[in-house]
Structures are given as C-alpha cells and as structure tokens.
C-alpha cells in the first residue's frame, strides 16, 4: 500500500514516519496516526501526519499488525 497516497492513510493505523530534522539521516519514528496534515491526494515524499504522541512527520511505511513493536507505548 503506497504511503504517498492520502486515501491509504487513516487515523488509528500504525506507521513509521520521518521527522523533518531526521530527513537527512532517515531515522524513522513509529506510532499511531492521529491527524492527516497533507490535504492533497498524493505527495511524492509521503503524507504528512501527526501521531497520537504529537510528533509530526511524513509517512514512510504503513505497518501491518505483524510488524508492530511489542509493548509499544504511545
């Protein structure tokens, strides 16, 4: 499921995002989507979201339930 298409990203799903300050290193942050911040239907660098933790970044991966971290705290 492409992470660059807005309709694939829904509140409540688990994703990995890259924060603006980590774009050069590619460091990813895992979390649950709270809000979608990109209004266009497609964005080449990933849809911008806010996680339930308040962190903002662009979606790089959409996680399947089998990929969730054990005991992850939000």
Protein backbone atom coordinates (compact mmCIF):
# COMPACT_ATOMS: atom_id res chain seq x y z
CA UNK A 1 0.00 0.00 0.00
CA UNK A 2 1.75 3.19 -1.15
CA UNK A 3 2.48 5.70 1.62
CA UNK A 4 2.32 8.58 -0.86
CA UNK A 5 -1.46 8.28 -1.42
CA UNK A 6 -3.62 10.08 1.16
CA UNK A 7 -6.58 7.66 0.98
CA UNK A 8 -4.28 4.85 2.22
CA UNK A 9 -3.55 6.72 5.48
CA UNK A 10 -6.31 6.66 8.10
CA UNK A 11 -6.42 7.82 11.71
CA UNK A 12 -5.68 4.90 14.00
CA UNK A 13 -3.29 2.99 11.75
CA UNK A 14 0.31 2.27 12.72
CA UNK A 15 3.01 3.88 10.59
CA UNK A 16 6.68 4.81 10.52
CA UNK A 17 7.38 8.47 9.83
CA UNK A 18 10.44 10.61 9.23
CA UNK A 19 10.52 13.89 11.14
CA UNK A 20 11.83 16.99 9.34
CA UNK A 21 15.01 17.12 11.46
CA UNK A 22 15.72 13.44 10.64
CA UNK A 23 15.25 13.63 6.86
CA UNK A 24 19.00 13.55 6.19
CA UNK A 25 19.62 10.52 8.41
CA UNK A 26 16.38 8.73 7.54
CA UNK A 27 15.70 7.93 11.21
CA UNK A 28 12.13 6.63 11.49
CA UNK A 29 9.65 7.03 14.34
CA UNK A 30 6.85 4.51 14.82
CA UNK A 31 3.41 5.50 16.04
CA UNK A 32 -0.33 5.70 15.51
CA UNK A 33 -1.84 8.31 13.19
CA UNK A 34 -3.99 10.93 14.92
CA UNK A 35 -4.43 13.57 12.16
CA UNK A 36 -3.63 13.89 8.46
CA UNK A 37 -1.95 17.22 7.70
CA UNK A 38 -1.46 16.89 3.94
CA UNK A 39 -4.58 17.93 2.04
CA UNK A 40 -3.51 16.89 -1.47
CA UNK A 41 -4.47 13.35 -2.59
CA UNK A 42 -0.83 12.42 -3.41
CA UNK A 43 2.52 13.66 -2.12
CA UNK A 44 5.80 12.29 -3.55
CA UNK A 45 7.72 12.44 -0.23
CA UNK A 46 4.91 10.92 1.88
CA UNK A 47 1.73 12.15 3.51
CA UNK A 48 2.35 14.45 6.49
CA UNK A 49 0.65 13.26 9.69
CA UNK A 50 0.51 13.96 13.42
CA UNK A 51 0.90 10.89 15.64
CA UNK A 52 -1.02 10.36 18.87
CA UNK A 53 2.22 11.31 20.65
CA UNK A 54 2.12 14.74 18.96
CA UNK A 55 5.10 14.09 16.67
CA UNK A 56 4.70 15.37 13.09
CA UNK A 57 6.36 13.82 10.05
CA UNK A 58 5.89 12.21 6.65
CA UNK A 59 4.76 8.60 6.40
CA UNK A 60 7.48 6.31 5.07
CA UNK A 61 5.89 2.94 5.88
CA UNK A 62 2.43 1.65 6.69
CA UNK A 63 2.78 -1.20 9.18
CA UNK A 64 0.84 -4.44 9.15
CA UNK A 65 -0.27 -5.74 12.59
CA UNK A 66 2.53 -8.36 12.49
CA UNK A 67 5.12 -5.53 12.26
CA UNK A 68 4.01 -3.68 15.44
CA UNK A 69 6.61 -3.43 18.20
CA UNK A 70 5.83 -5.50 21.30
CA UNK A 71 4.69 -3.41 24.25
CA UNK A 72 4.86 -0.12 22.38
CA UNK A 73 3.76 2.83 24.47
CA UNK A 74 2.14 5.90 22.94
